[in-house]
Amino acid sequence: MDDIHAIVEQINVQVQHIFREANQLADYVANTAINKEAKQVFFNFNQLPSRGRKLLNIDKHKIPLVRIKTRRINIDNNGQHA
């Protein structure tokens, strides 16, 4: 990590965390690459798997993907919060 920090400072870049939901295409491509033994190269849009085409279109049209966090509420037999 120290080496990475030193390189980042030398080339004057800013690193920022992005939730997966904000860049599902990059997440999809990374996971696809990890799960495949052979290298895959796509030369055009139609060669992408359907999920990749869908995510690319969502990104191209700047459709927001919202991260929703749900909270589980336990209710006992009397209808009271447990």
N, C-alpha and C. Protein backbone atom coordinates (compact mmCIF):
# COMPACT_ATOMS: atom_id res chain seq x y z
N MET A 1 0.82 -1.19 0.00
CA MET A 1 0.00 0.00 0.00
C MET A 1 0.86 1.26 0.00
N ASP A 2 1.96 1.22 0.72
CA ASP A 2 2.84 2.39 0.74
C ASP A 2 3.36 2.72 -0.65
N ASP A 3 3.72 1.66 -1.41
CA ASP A 3 4.20 1.87 -2.78
C ASP A 3 3.12 2.50 -3.65
N ILE A 4 1.89 2.04 -3.48
CA ILE A 4 0.77 2.58 -4.26
C ILE A 4 0.57 4.05 -3.92
N HIS A 5 0.59 4.38 -2.63
CA HIS A 5 0.44 5.78 -2.21
C HIS A 5 1.55 6.65 -2.81
N ALA A 6 2.77 6.14 -2.82
CA ALA A 6 3.89 6.91 -3.37
C ALA A 6 3.70 7.16 -4.86
N ILE A 7 3.26 6.14 -5.59
CA ILE A 7 3.03 6.30 -7.03
C ILE A 7 1.92 7.30 -7.29
N VAL A 8 0.84 7.20 -6.53
CA VAL A 8 -0.29 8.12 -6.70
C VAL A 8 0.16 9.56 -6.47
N GLU A 9 0.97 9.78 -5.47
CA GLU A 9 1.46 11.13 -5.20
C GLU A 9 2.38 11.64 -6.31
N GLN A 10 3.18 10.74 -6.89
CA GLN A 10 4.11 11.14 -7.95
C GLN A 10 3.39 11.55 -9.22
N ILE A 11 2.32 10.85 -9.56
CA ILE A 11 1.65 11.15 -10.84
C ILE A 11 0.47 12.09 -10.66
N ASN A 12 0.26 12.55 -9.43
CA ASN A 12 -0.75 13.57 -9.15
C ASN A 12 -2.15 13.17 -9.64
N VAL A 13 -2.66 12.07 -9.10
CA VAL A 13 -4.03 11.63 -9.42
C VAL A 13 -4.85 11.59 -8.14
N GLN A 14 -6.14 11.55 -8.32
CA GLN A 14 -7.04 11.45 -7.18
C GLN A 14 -7.76 10.10 -7.27
N VAL A 15 -7.75 9.35 -6.19
CA VAL A 15 -8.41 8.05 -6.13
C VAL A 15 -9.66 8.22 -5.28
N GLN A 16 -10.77 7.70 -5.78
CA GLN A 16 -12.04 7.88 -5.09
C GLN A 16 -12.81 6.56 -5.10
N HIS A 17 -13.42 6.22 -3.98
CA HIS A 17 -14.24 5.00 -3.90
C HIS A 17 -15.58 5.24 -4.57
N ILE A 18 -16.00 4.28 -5.37
CA ILE A 18 -17.31 4.33 -6.01
C ILE A 18 -18.03 3.03 -5.66
N PHE A 19 -19.26 3.14 -5.16
CA PHE A 19 -20.03 1.94 -4.88
C PHE A 19 -20.27 1.15 -6.16
N ARG A 20 -20.34 -0.17 -6.04
CA ARG A 20 -20.60 -1.03 -7.20
C ARG A 20 -21.84 -0.60 -7.96
N GLU A 21 -22.85 -0.21 -7.23
CA GLU A 21 -24.11 0.18 -7.86
C GLU A 21 -23.93 1.38 -8.78
N ALA A 22 -22.95 2.21 -8.49
CA ALA A 22 -22.72 3.40 -9.29
C ALA A 22 -21.96 3.09 -10.58
N ASN A 23 -21.32 1.95 -10.64
CA ASN A 23 -20.61 1.56 -11.86
C ASN A 23 -20.73 0.05 -12.05
N GLN A 24 -21.95 -0.38 -12.32
CA GLN A 24 -22.21 -1.81 -12.45
C GLN A 24 -21.50 -2.42 -13.65
N LEU A 25 -21.27 -1.65 -14.69
CA LEU A 25 -20.57 -2.18 -15.86
C LEU A 25 -19.15 -2.58 -15.49
N ALA A 26 -18.43 -1.72 -14.80
CA ALA A 26 -17.06 -2.04 -14.38
C ALA A 26 -17.05 -3.24 -13.45
N ASP A 27 -18.01 -3.31 -12.54
CA ASP A 27 -18.12 -4.44 -11.62
C ASP A 27 -18.39 -5.73 -12.39
N TYR A 28 -19.28 -5.67 -13.37
CA TYR A 28 -19.61 -6.83 -14.19
C TYR A 28 -18.38 -7.32 -14.97
N VAL A 29 -17.67 -6.39 -15.60
CA VAL A 29 -16.49 -6.75 -16.39
C VAL A 29 -15.42 -7.36 -15.49
N ALA A 30 -15.19 -6.77 -14.33
CA ALA A 30 -14.18 -7.29 -13.40
C ALA A 30 -14.54 -8.70 -12.94
N ASN A 31 -15.78 -8.91 -12.56
CA ASN A 31 -16.21 -10.23 -12.10
C ASN A 31 -16.17 -11.26 -13.23
N THR A 32 -16.53 -10.85 -14.42
CA THR A 32 -16.47 -11.76 -15.57
C THR A 32 -15.03 -12.17 -15.84
N ALA A 33 -14.11 -11.23 -15.75
CA ALA A 33 -12.69 -11.53 -15.99
C ALA A 33 -12.15 -12.49 -14.93
N ILE A 34 -12.56 -12.31 -13.69
CA ILE A 34 -12.09 -13.17 -12.61
C ILE A 34 -12.61 -14.59 -12.78
N ASN A 35 -13.85 -14.73 -13.24
CA ASN A 35 -14.49 -16.04 -13.34
C ASN A 35 -14.14 -16.82 -14.60
N LYS A 36 -13.43 -16.23 -15.54
CA LYS A 36 -13.07 -16.89 -16.79
C LYS A 36 -11.61 -17.30 -16.77
N GLU A 37 -11.33 -18.51 -17.26
CA GLU A 37 -9.95 -18.96 -17.34
C GLU A 37 -9.25 -18.38 -18.57
N ALA A 38 -9.99 -18.30 -19.67
CA ALA A 38 -9.40 -17.80 -20.92
C ALA A 38 -9.67 -16.30 -21.07
N LYS A 39 -8.77 -15.62 -21.74
CA LYS A 39 -8.93 -14.19 -22.01
C LYS A 39 -10.06 -13.99 -23.01
N GLN A 40 -10.88 -12.98 -22.77
CA GLN A 40 -11.97 -12.65 -23.69
C GLN A 40 -11.74 -11.25 -24.24
N VAL A 41 -11.95 -11.10 -25.54
CA VAL A 41 -11.84 -9.80 -26.18
C VAL A 41 -13.12 -9.58 -26.97
N PHE A 42 -13.74 -8.43 -26.77
CA PHE A 42 -14.96 -8.08 -27.49
C PHE A 42 -14.63 -6.93 -28.42
N PHE A 43 -14.88 -7.12 -29.69
CA PHE A 43 -14.54 -6.10 -30.69
C PHE A 43 -15.70 -5.17 -31.01
N ASN A 44 -16.91 -5.57 -30.65
CA ASN A 44 -18.05 -4.70 -30.88
C ASN A 44 -19.15 -4.99 -29.87
N PHE A 45 -20.11 -4.11 -29.84
CA PHE A 45 -21.21 -4.17 -28.87
C PHE A 45 -21.95 -5.51 -28.91
N ASN A 46 -22.20 -6.02 -30.11
CA ASN A 46 -22.98 -7.25 -30.25
C ASN A 46 -22.27 -8.49 -29.74
N GLN A 47 -20.96 -8.43 -29.57
CA GLN A 47 -20.22 -9.56 -29.04
C GLN A 47 -20.31 -9.65 -27.52
N LEU A 48 -20.73 -8.58 -26.88
CA LEU A 48 -20.87 -8.60 -25.42
C LEU A 48 -22.00 -9.53 -25.00
N PRO A 49 -21.87 -10.17 -23.85
CA PRO A 49 -23.01 -10.93 -23.31
C PRO A 49 -24.17 -9.97 -23.05
N SER A 50 -25.39 -10.49 -23.02
CA SER A 50 -26.58 -9.63 -22.90
C SER A 50 -26.52 -8.74 -21.66
N ARG A 51 -26.04 -9.27 -20.54
CA ARG A 51 -25.93 -8.46 -19.31
C ARG A 51 -24.98 -7.28 -19.53
N GLY A 52 -23.87 -7.51 -20.21
CA GLY A 52 -22.92 -6.44 -20.50
C GLY A 52 -23.52 -5.38 -21.40
N ARG A 53 -24.28 -5.80 -22.42
CA ARG A 53 -24.93 -4.84 -23.32
C ARG A 53 -25.94 -3.99 -22.55
N LYS A 54 -26.70 -4.65 -21.68
CA LYS A 54 -27.71 -3.93 -20.88
C LYS A 54 -27.04 -2.87 -20.01
N LEU A 55 -25.99 -3.26 -19.30
CA LEU A 55 -25.30 -2.32 -18.40
C LEU A 55 -24.62 -1.19 -19.18
N LEU A 56 -24.09 -1.50 -20.35
CA LEU A 56 -23.47 -0.47 -21.17
C LEU A 56 -24.51 0.55 -21.64
N ASN A 57 -25.68 0.07 -22.02
CA ASN A 57 -26.76 0.99 -22.43
C ASN A 57 -27.24 1.85 -21.27
N ILE A 58 -27.35 1.26 -20.09
CA ILE A 58 -27.75 2.02 -18.91
C ILE A 58 -26.74 3.13 -18.64
N ASP A 59 -25.46 2.79 -18.73
CA ASP A 59 -24.39 3.76 -18.50
C ASP A 59 -24.39 4.83 -19.59
N LYS A 60 -24.55 4.42 -20.83
CA LYS A 60 -24.55 5.35 -21.97
C LYS A 60 -25.66 6.38 -21.86
N HIS A 61 -26.83 5.95 -21.40
CA HIS A 61 -27.97 6.85 -21.30
C HIS A 61 -28.05 7.56 -19.94
N LYS A 62 -27.02 7.35 -19.12
CA LYS A 62 -26.90 8.01 -17.82
C LYS A 62 -28.12 7.78 -16.93
N ILE A 63 -28.60 6.54 -16.94
CA ILE A 63 -29.72 6.16 -16.09
C ILE A 63 -29.16 5.86 -14.71
N PRO A 64 -29.62 6.56 -13.68
CA PRO A 64 -29.07 6.33 -12.34
C PRO A 64 -29.51 4.99 -11.77
N LEU A 65 -28.60 4.34 -11.09
CA LEU A 65 -28.90 3.11 -10.36
C LEU A 65 -28.74 3.44 -8.88
N VAL A 66 -29.80 3.31 -8.14
CA VAL A 66 -29.83 3.77 -6.75
C VAL A 66 -29.54 2.60 -5.81
N ARG A 67 -28.72 2.87 -4.83
CA ARG A 67 -28.42 1.87 -3.80
C ARG A 67 -29.48 2.01 -2.72
N ILE A 68 -30.21 0.93 -2.46
CA ILE A 68 -31.28 0.94 -1.46
C ILE A 68 -30.89 0.00 -0.33
N LYS A 69 -30.90 0.54 0.86
CA LYS A 69 -30.58 -0.26 2.04
C LYS A 69 -31.88 -0.51 2.79
N THR A 70 -32.19 -1.77 3.02
CA THR A 70 -33.43 -2.10 3.73
C THR A 70 -33.12 -2.45 5.17
N ARG A 71 -34.11 -2.27 5.99
CA ARG A 71 -33.97 -2.59 7.41
C ARG A 71 -35.01 -3.64 7.76
N ARG A 72 -34.58 -4.71 8.40
CA ARG A 72 -35.47 -5.78 8.78
C ARG A 72 -36.07 -5.47 10.15
N ILE A 73 -37.39 -5.56 10.26
CA ILE A 73 -38.07 -5.32 11.53
C ILE A 73 -38.72 -6.63 11.98
N ASN A 74 -38.37 -7.06 13.17
CA ASN A 74 -38.97 -8.28 13.72
C ASN A 74 -40.20 -7.92 14.54
N ILE A 75 -41.29 -8.62 14.27
CA ILE A 75 -42.54 -8.39 14.99
C ILE A 75 -42.94 -9.69 15.67
N ASP A 76 -43.26 -9.61 16.96
CA ASP A 76 -43.65 -10.83 17.69
C ASP A 76 -45.10 -11.20 17.38
N ASN A 77 -45.59 -12.27 18.00
CA ASN A 77 -46.94 -12.78 17.75
C ASN A 77 -48.03 -11.80 18.14
N ASN A 78 -47.73 -10.83 19.00
CA ASN A 78 -48.71 -9.83 19.43
C ASN A 78 -48.68 -8.57 18.56
N GLY A 79 -47.90 -8.60 17.50
CA GLY A 79 -47.82 -7.45 16.62
C GLY A 79 -46.90 -6.35 17.13
N GLN A 80 -46.07 -6.66 18.11
CA GLN A 80 -45.16 -5.69 18.70
C GLN A 80 -43.75 -5.88 18.12
N HIS A 81 -43.01 -4.78 18.10
CA HIS A 81 -41.62 -4.89 17.66
C HIS A 81 -40.86 -5.76 18.64
N ALA A 82 -40.11 -6.70 18.12
CA ALA A 82 -39.36 -7.62 18.99
C ALA A 82 -37.98 -7.08 19.26
